[in-house]
Amino acid sequence: MLSAFALAYALFEIPSGILGDRIGQRKVLIRIVIWWSVFTALTGAATGLVTLMITRFLFGMGEAGAYPNSSAAISKWFPRNETAKGMSSCAIGSNTGAALAPLIVVPLAVKFGWRAPFFVNGCLGLVWVLVCYFWFRDFPSQKKRVSAEELQHIEENRSFEKGEHPVSWSALLKNRNVWFLALMFMTSQWANYFFVGWMPIFL
């Protein structure tokens, strides 16, 4: 079950990141969370192993790209000296959500059955979509509430550069930092999947 999600997530992570660069992170993030919300709800409607595996695969396919598109948005909105704060806030928010989720999921499951939390969380995702649609923009220049001084500060000091910057696969595969990051994420995600996915079975 976990592998179905992880496989789809891995296959579609890079294509979804490329799509964000082409049509804008706002559109892609909204699409991701709509997809996430729908397939969260559909998980609760699964009738057996096969339908659950198909749902989880499609779930991973649609959710892929959240992190690269979030990272791209941060590069557009944050000056270089604040990029680490933006990235760490994104990571902290994700893990805080996972930590707080049982406070919502467990009481709902106990009172209304295991399917109910999936329907409720799917609805919560759609609320996020509405907030993102009305509040977020791809660039600070598209946001009316950003002052001219703040806009100038961001645009003069951010890492984002307009235009295409092609990077070859050979250059990436020869980069030691890429390999170290891949190793770091592989080990951390293995532990994450073990504790989140398998520990409840043992307990």
C-alpha atoms as a PDB file:
ATOM      1  CA  MET A   1       0.000   0.000   0.000  1.00  0.00           C
ATOM      2  CA  LEU A   2       2.772   2.425   0.924  1.00  0.00           C
ATOM      3  CA  SER A   3       4.802   1.381  -2.121  1.00  0.00           C
ATOM      4  CA  ALA A   4       1.938   2.201  -4.522  1.00  0.00           C
ATOM      5  CA  PHE A   5       1.909   5.794  -3.278  1.00  0.00           C
ATOM      6  CA  ALA A   6       5.701   6.124  -3.121  1.00  0.00           C
ATOM      7  CA  LEU A   7       6.231   4.752  -6.645  1.00  0.00           C
ATOM      8  CA  ALA A   8       3.780   7.195  -8.218  1.00  0.00           C
ATOM      9  CA  TYR A   9       5.174  10.055  -6.145  1.00  0.00           C
ATOM     10  CA  ALA A  10       8.718   9.308  -7.332  1.00  0.00           C
ATOM     11  CA  LEU A  11       7.717   8.972 -11.002  1.00  0.00           C
ATOM     12  CA  PHE A  12       5.789  12.248 -11.155  1.00  0.00           C
ATOM     13  CA  GLU A  13       7.887  14.462  -8.852  1.00  0.00           C
ATOM     14  CA  ILE A  14      10.156  15.877 -11.581  1.00  0.00           C
ATOM     15  CA  PRO A  15       7.424  16.289 -14.257  1.00  0.00           C
ATOM     16  CA  SER A  16       5.265  18.190 -11.769  1.00  0.00           C
ATOM     17  CA  GLY A  17       8.178  20.449 -10.855  1.00  0.00           C
ATOM     18  CA  ILE A  18       8.794  21.184 -14.547  1.00  0.00           C
ATOM     19  CA  LEU A  19       5.098  21.944 -15.020  1.00  0.00           C
ATOM     20  CA  GLY A  20       5.269  24.510 -12.215  1.00  0.00           C
ATOM     21  CA  ASP A  21       8.176  26.264 -13.931  1.00  0.00           C
ATOM     22  CA  ARG A  22       6.183  26.442 -17.150  1.00  0.00           C
ATOM     23  CA  ILE A  23       2.696  27.484 -16.019  1.00  0.00           C
ATOM     24  CA  GLY A  24       3.375  28.876 -12.538  1.00  0.00           C
ATOM     25  CA  GLN A  25       3.577  27.381  -9.060  1.00  0.00           C
ATOM     26  CA  ARG A  26       0.206  28.807  -7.988  1.00  0.00           C
ATOM     27  CA  LYS A  27      -1.717  26.813 -10.586  1.00  0.00           C
ATOM     28  CA  VAL A  28       0.208  23.630  -9.913  1.00  0.00           C
ATOM     29  CA  LEU A  29      -0.065  23.854  -6.115  1.00  0.00           C
ATOM     30  CA  ILE A  30      -3.818  24.454  -6.388  1.00  0.00           C
ATOM     31  CA  ARG A  31      -4.091  21.463  -8.731  1.00  0.00           C
ATOM     32  CA  ILE A  32      -2.012  19.334  -6.334  1.00  0.00           C
ATOM     33  CA  VAL A  33      -4.167  20.119  -3.295  1.00  0.00           C
ATOM     34  CA  ILE A  34      -7.445  19.659  -5.206  1.00  0.00           C
ATOM     35  CA  TRP A  35      -6.145  16.271  -6.355  1.00  0.00           C
ATOM     36  CA  TRP A  36      -4.931  15.519  -2.813  1.00  0.00           C
ATOM     37  CA  SER A  37      -8.351  16.426  -1.367  1.00  0.00           C
ATOM     38  CA  VAL A  38     -10.288  14.316  -3.859  1.00  0.00           C
ATOM     39  CA  PHE A  39      -8.125  11.227  -3.407  1.00  0.00           C
ATOM     40  CA  THR A  40      -8.025  11.661   0.354  1.00  0.00           C
ATOM     41  CA  ALA A  41     -11.819  11.440   0.311  1.00  0.00           C
ATOM     42  CA  LEU A  42     -11.751   8.549  -2.178  1.00  0.00           C
ATOM     43  CA  THR A  43      -9.417   6.626   0.138  1.00  0.00           C
ATOM     44  CA  GLY A  44     -12.259   6.587   2.628  1.00  0.00           C
ATOM     45  CA  ALA A  45     -14.559   5.214  -0.085  1.00  0.00           C
ATOM     46  CA  ALA A  46     -12.276   2.286  -1.002  1.00  0.00           C
ATOM     47  CA  THR A  47     -14.030  -1.097  -0.987  1.00  0.00           C
ATOM     48  CA  GLY A  48     -11.045  -3.463  -0.972  1.00  0.00           C
ATOM     49  CA  LEU A  49      -7.337  -3.968  -1.490  1.00  0.00           C
ATOM     50  CA  VAL A  50      -7.312  -3.359  -5.256  1.00  0.00           C
ATOM     51  CA  THR A  51      -9.349  -0.152  -5.155  1.00  0.00           C
ATOM     52  CA  LEU A  52      -7.269   1.090  -2.238  1.00  0.00           C
ATOM     53  CA  MET A  53      -3.989   0.441  -4.086  1.00  0.00           C
ATOM     54  CA  ILE A  54      -5.268   2.160  -7.230  1.00  0.00           C
ATOM     55  CA  THR A  55      -6.443   5.118  -5.160  1.00  0.00           C
ATOM     56  CA  ARG A  56      -3.099   5.365  -3.383  1.00  0.00           C
ATOM     57  CA  PHE A  57      -1.175   5.225  -6.681  1.00  0.00           C
ATOM     58  CA  LEU A  58      -3.288   7.991  -8.203  1.00  0.00           C
ATOM     59  CA  PHE A  59      -2.975   9.868  -4.906  1.00  0.00           C
ATOM     60  CA  GLY A  60       0.829   9.811  -5.172  1.00  0.00           C
ATOM     61  CA  MET A  61       0.722  10.802  -8.831  1.00  0.00           C
ATOM     62  CA  GLY A  62      -1.274  13.930  -8.051  1.00  0.00           C
ATOM     63  CA  GLU A  63       0.491  14.913  -4.842  1.00  0.00           C
ATOM     64  CA  ALA A  64       3.946  14.743  -6.423  1.00  0.00           C
ATOM     65  CA  GLY A  65       5.547  18.116  -6.983  1.00  0.00           C
ATOM     66  CA  ALA A  66       4.422  19.848  -3.808  1.00  0.00           C
ATOM     67  CA  TYR A  67       7.962  20.342  -2.514  1.00  0.00           C
ATOM     68  CA  PRO A  68       9.694  21.478  -5.739  1.00  0.00           C
ATOM     69  CA  ASN A  69       6.886  23.927  -6.448  1.00  0.00           C
ATOM     70  CA  SER A  70       6.949  25.215  -2.879  1.00  0.00           C
ATOM     71  CA  SER A  71      10.722  25.655  -3.164  1.00  0.00           C
ATOM     72  CA  ALA A  72      10.329  27.564  -6.429  1.00  0.00           C
ATOM     73  CA  ALA A  73       7.715  29.837  -4.842  1.00  0.00           C
ATOM     74  CA  ILE A  74      10.077  30.549  -1.950  1.00  0.00           C
ATOM     75  CA  SER A  75      12.869  31.456  -4.394  1.00  0.00           C
ATOM     76  CA  LYS A  76      10.555  34.085  -5.925  1.00  0.00           C
ATOM     77  CA  TRP A  77       9.249  35.540  -2.680  1.00  0.00           C
ATOM     78  CA  PHE A  78      12.211  35.453  -0.273  1.00  0.00           C
ATOM     79  CA  PRO A  79      15.547  37.308  -0.379  1.00  0.00           C
ATOM     80  CA  ARG A  80      18.609  35.015  -0.314  1.00  0.00           C
ATOM     81  CA  ASN A  81      19.273  35.625   3.383  1.00  0.00           C
ATOM     82  CA  GLU A  82      15.716  34.508   4.243  1.00  0.00           C
ATOM     83  CA  THR A  83      15.474  31.492   1.927  1.00  0.00           C
ATOM     84  CA  ALA A  84      16.511  29.089   4.706  1.00  0.00           C
ATOM     85  CA  LYS A  85      13.712  30.446   6.907  1.00  0.00           C
ATOM     86  CA  GLY A  86      11.205  29.867   4.139  1.00  0.00           C
ATOM     87  CA  MET A  87      12.385  26.320   3.449  1.00  0.00           C
ATOM     88  CA  SER A  88      12.539  25.401   7.139  1.00  0.00           C
ATOM     89  CA  SER A  89       9.046  26.858   7.695  1.00  0.00           C
ATOM     90  CA  CYS A  90       7.764  24.663   4.872  1.00  0.00           C
ATOM     91  CA  ALA A  91       9.363  21.561   6.405  1.00  0.00           C
ATOM     92  CA  ILE A  92       8.213  22.435   9.920  1.00  0.00           C
ATOM     93  CA  GLY A  93       4.682  23.054   8.701  1.00  0.00           C
ATOM     94  CA  SER A  94       4.559  19.677   6.978  1.00  0.00           C
ATOM     95  CA  ASN A  95       5.815  17.781  10.022  1.00  0.00           C
ATOM     96  CA  THR A  96       3.659  19.778  12.436  1.00  0.00           C
ATOM     97  CA  GLY A  97       0.631  18.852  10.370  1.00  0.00           C
ATOM     98  CA  ALA A  98       1.581  15.184  10.558  1.00  0.00           C
ATOM     99  CA  ALA A  99       2.047  15.466  14.326  1.00  0.00           C
ATOM    100  CA  LEU A 100      -1.301  17.209  14.877  1.00  0.00           C
ATOM    101  CA  ALA A 101      -3.265  14.992  12.491  1.00  0.00           C
ATOM    102  CA  PRO A 102      -3.911  12.236  15.082  1.00  0.00           C
ATOM    103  CA  LEU A 103      -5.697  14.804  17.262  1.00  0.00           C
ATOM    104  CA  ILE A 104      -8.255  15.121  14.453  1.00  0.00           C
ATOM    105  CA  VAL A 105      -8.148  11.638  12.945  1.00  0.00           C
ATOM    106  CA  VAL A 106      -8.394   9.449  16.051  1.00  0.00           C
ATOM    107  CA  PRO A 107     -11.474  11.074  17.667  1.00  0.00           C
ATOM    108  CA  LEU A 108     -13.282  11.123  14.304  1.00  0.00           C
ATOM    109  CA  ALA A 109     -12.429   7.488  13.607  1.00  0.00           C
ATOM    110  CA  VAL A 110     -13.518   6.386  17.086  1.00  0.00           C
ATOM    111  CA  LYS A 111     -16.854   8.190  16.863  1.00  0.00           C
ATOM    112  CA  PHE A 112     -17.774   7.890  13.179  1.00  0.00           C
ATOM    113  CA  GLY A 113     -15.630   5.043  11.809  1.00  0.00           C
ATOM    114  CA  TRP A 114     -12.314   4.889   9.956  1.00  0.00           C
ATOM    115  CA  ARG A 115     -13.695   6.385   6.727  1.00  0.00           C
ATOM    116  CA  ALA A 116     -14.853   9.679   8.260  1.00  0.00           C
ATOM    117  CA  PRO A 117     -11.386  11.251   8.771  1.00  0.00           C
ATOM    118  CA  PHE A 118     -10.624  10.875   5.060  1.00  0.00           C
ATOM    119  CA  PHE A 119     -13.792  12.773   4.112  1.00  0.00           C
ATOM    120  CA  VAL A 120     -13.153  15.527   6.675  1.00  0.00           C
ATOM    121  CA  ASN A 121      -9.499  15.983   5.700  1.00  0.00           C
ATOM    122  CA  GLY A 122     -10.485  16.091   2.030  1.00  0.00           C
ATOM    123  CA  CYS A 123     -12.821  18.998   2.813  1.00  0.00           C
ATOM    124  CA  LEU A 124     -10.082  20.773   4.804  1.00  0.00           C
ATOM    125  CA  GLY A 125      -7.823  20.557   1.753  1.00  0.00           C
ATOM    126  CA  LEU A 126     -10.423  22.375  -0.341  1.00  0.00           C
ATOM    127  CA  VAL A 127     -10.477  25.188   2.234  1.00  0.00           C
ATOM    128  CA  TRP A 128      -6.704  25.532   1.708  1.00  0.00           C
ATOM    129  CA  VAL A 129      -7.323  25.737  -2.049  1.00  0.00           C
ATOM    130  CA  LEU A 130      -9.675  28.684  -1.580  1.00  0.00           C
ATOM    131  CA  VAL A 131      -7.152  30.506   0.610  1.00  0.00           C
ATOM    132  CA  CYS A 132      -4.363  29.900  -1.913  1.00  0.00           C
ATOM    133  CA  TYR A 133      -6.528  30.983  -4.848  1.00  0.00           C
ATOM    134  CA  PHE A 134      -7.505  34.342  -3.345  1.00  0.00           C
ATOM    135  CA  TRP A 135      -4.342  35.122  -1.349  1.00  0.00           C
ATOM    136  CA  PHE A 136      -1.270  33.680  -3.095  1.00  0.00           C
ATOM    137  CA  ARG A 137       0.367  34.891  -6.303  1.00  0.00           C
ATOM    138  CA  ASP A 138       3.378  33.557  -8.209  1.00  0.00           C
ATOM    139  CA  PHE A 139       5.356  36.804  -7.919  1.00  0.00           C
ATOM    140  CA  PRO A 140       5.432  39.588  -5.303  1.00  0.00           C
ATOM    141  CA  SER A 141       4.813  42.080  -8.118  1.00  0.00           C
ATOM    142  CA  GLN A 142       1.370  40.508  -8.639  1.00  0.00           C
ATOM    143  CA  LYS A 143       0.359  41.143  -5.019  1.00  0.00           C
ATOM    144  CA  LYS A 144      -1.193  44.539  -4.358  1.00  0.00           C
ATOM    145  CA  ARG A 145      -0.321  44.629  -0.659  1.00  0.00           C
ATOM    146  CA  VAL A 146       3.434  44.353  -1.284  1.00  0.00           C
ATOM    147  CA  SER A 147       4.917  47.833  -0.966  1.00  0.00           C
ATOM    148  CA  ALA A 148       7.276  49.244  -3.577  1.00  0.00           C
ATOM    149  CA  GLU A 149      10.168  49.187  -1.069  1.00  0.00           C
ATOM    150  CA  GLU A 150       9.573  45.546  -0.122  1.00  0.00           C
ATOM    151  CA  LEU A 151       9.173  44.530  -3.757  1.00  0.00           C
ATOM    152  CA  GLN A 152      12.463  46.181  -4.687  1.00  0.00           C
ATOM    153  CA  HIS A 153      14.229  44.511  -1.766  1.00  0.00           C
ATOM    154  CA  ILE A 154      12.938  41.059  -2.737  1.00  0.00           C
ATOM    155  CA  GLU A 155      13.650  41.377  -6.460  1.00  0.00           C
ATOM    156  CA  GLU A 156      17.167  42.700  -5.945  1.00  0.00           C
ATOM    157  CA  ASN A 157      18.177  40.055  -3.408  1.00  0.00           C
ATOM    158  CA  ARG A 158      16.349  36.838  -4.298  1.00  0.00           C
ATOM    159  CA  SER A 159      17.902  33.731  -5.846  1.00  0.00           C
ATOM    160  CA  PHE A 160      15.277  33.462  -8.572  1.00  0.00           C
ATOM    161  CA  GLU A 161      16.359  34.478 -12.064  1.00  0.00           C
ATOM    162  CA  LYS A 162      14.014  34.783 -15.010  1.00  0.00           C
ATOM    163  CA  GLY A 163      14.577  32.674 -18.100  1.00  0.00           C
ATOM    164  CA  GLU A 164      15.522  29.068 -18.659  1.00  0.00           C
ATOM    165  CA  HIS A 165      18.663  27.640 -17.072  1.00  0.00           C
ATOM    166  CA  PRO A 166      19.119  24.147 -18.518  1.00  0.00           C
ATOM    167  CA  VAL A 167      21.122  21.714 -16.410  1.00  0.00           C
ATOM    168  CA  SER A 168      22.284  18.425 -17.891  1.00  0.00           C
ATOM    169  CA  TRP A 169      21.608  15.109 -16.158  1.00  0.00           C
ATOM    170  CA  SER A 170      25.309  14.303 -16.334  1.00  0.00           C
ATOM    171  CA  ALA A 171      26.117  17.470 -14.374  1.00  0.00           C
ATOM    172  CA  LEU A 172      23.555  16.547 -11.740  1.00  0.00           C
ATOM    173  CA  LEU A 173      24.791  12.969 -11.439  1.00  0.00           C
ATOM    174  CA  LYS A 174      28.378  14.175 -11.024  1.00  0.00           C
ATOM    175  CA  ASN A 175      27.439  16.653  -8.290  1.00  0.00           C
ATOM    176  CA  ARG A 176      28.387  15.355  -4.826  1.00  0.00           C
ATOM    177  CA  ASN A 177      25.820  17.553  -3.094  1.00  0.00           C
ATOM    178  CA  VAL A 178      23.007  15.950  -5.125  1.00  0.00           C
ATOM    179  CA  TRP A 179      24.148  12.483  -4.040  1.00  0.00           C
ATOM    180  CA  PHE A 180      24.438  13.525  -0.394  1.00  0.00           C
ATOM    181  CA  LEU A 181      20.960  15.092  -0.484  1.00  0.00           C
ATOM    182  CA  ALA A 182      19.521  11.971  -2.111  1.00  0.00           C
ATOM    183  CA  LEU A 183      21.131   9.772   0.527  1.00  0.00           C
ATOM    184  CA  MET A 184      19.908  12.013   3.327  1.00  0.00           C
ATOM    185  CA  PHE A 185      16.333  12.004   2.058  1.00  0.00           C
ATOM    186  CA  MET A 186      16.357   8.272   1.351  1.00  0.00           C
ATOM    187  CA  THR A 187      17.354   7.440   4.912  1.00  0.00           C
ATOM    188  CA  SER A 188      15.054   9.998   6.531  1.00  0.00           C
ATOM    189  CA  GLN A 189      12.046   8.977   4.430  1.00  0.00           C
ATOM    190  CA  TRP A 190      12.693   5.292   5.071  1.00  0.00           C
ATOM    191  CA  ALA A 191      12.509   5.988   8.792  1.00  0.00           C
ATOM    192  CA  ASN A 192       9.468   8.202   8.298  1.00  0.00           C
ATOM    193  CA  TYR A 193       7.593   5.543   6.330  1.00  0.00           C
ATOM    194  CA  PHE A 194       8.564   2.858   8.819  1.00  0.00           C
ATOM    195  CA  PHE A 195       7.287   4.733  11.862  1.00  0.00           C
ATOM    196  CA  VAL A 196       4.184   6.165  10.175  1.00  0.00           C
ATOM    197  CA  GLY A 197       3.237   3.140   8.113  1.00  0.00           C
ATOM    198  CA  TRP A 198       4.457   0.057   9.976  1.00  0.00           C
ATOM    199  CA  MET A 199       4.778   0.920  13.654  1.00  0.00           C
ATOM    200  CA  PRO A 200       0.973   0.997  14.182  1.00  0.00           C
ATOM    201  CA  ILE A 201       0.868  -2.610  12.952  1.00  0.00           C
ATOM    202  CA  PHE A 202       3.449  -3.709  15.528  1.00  0.00           C
ATOM    203  CA  LEU A 203       1.761  -1.712  18.266  1.00  0.00           C
END
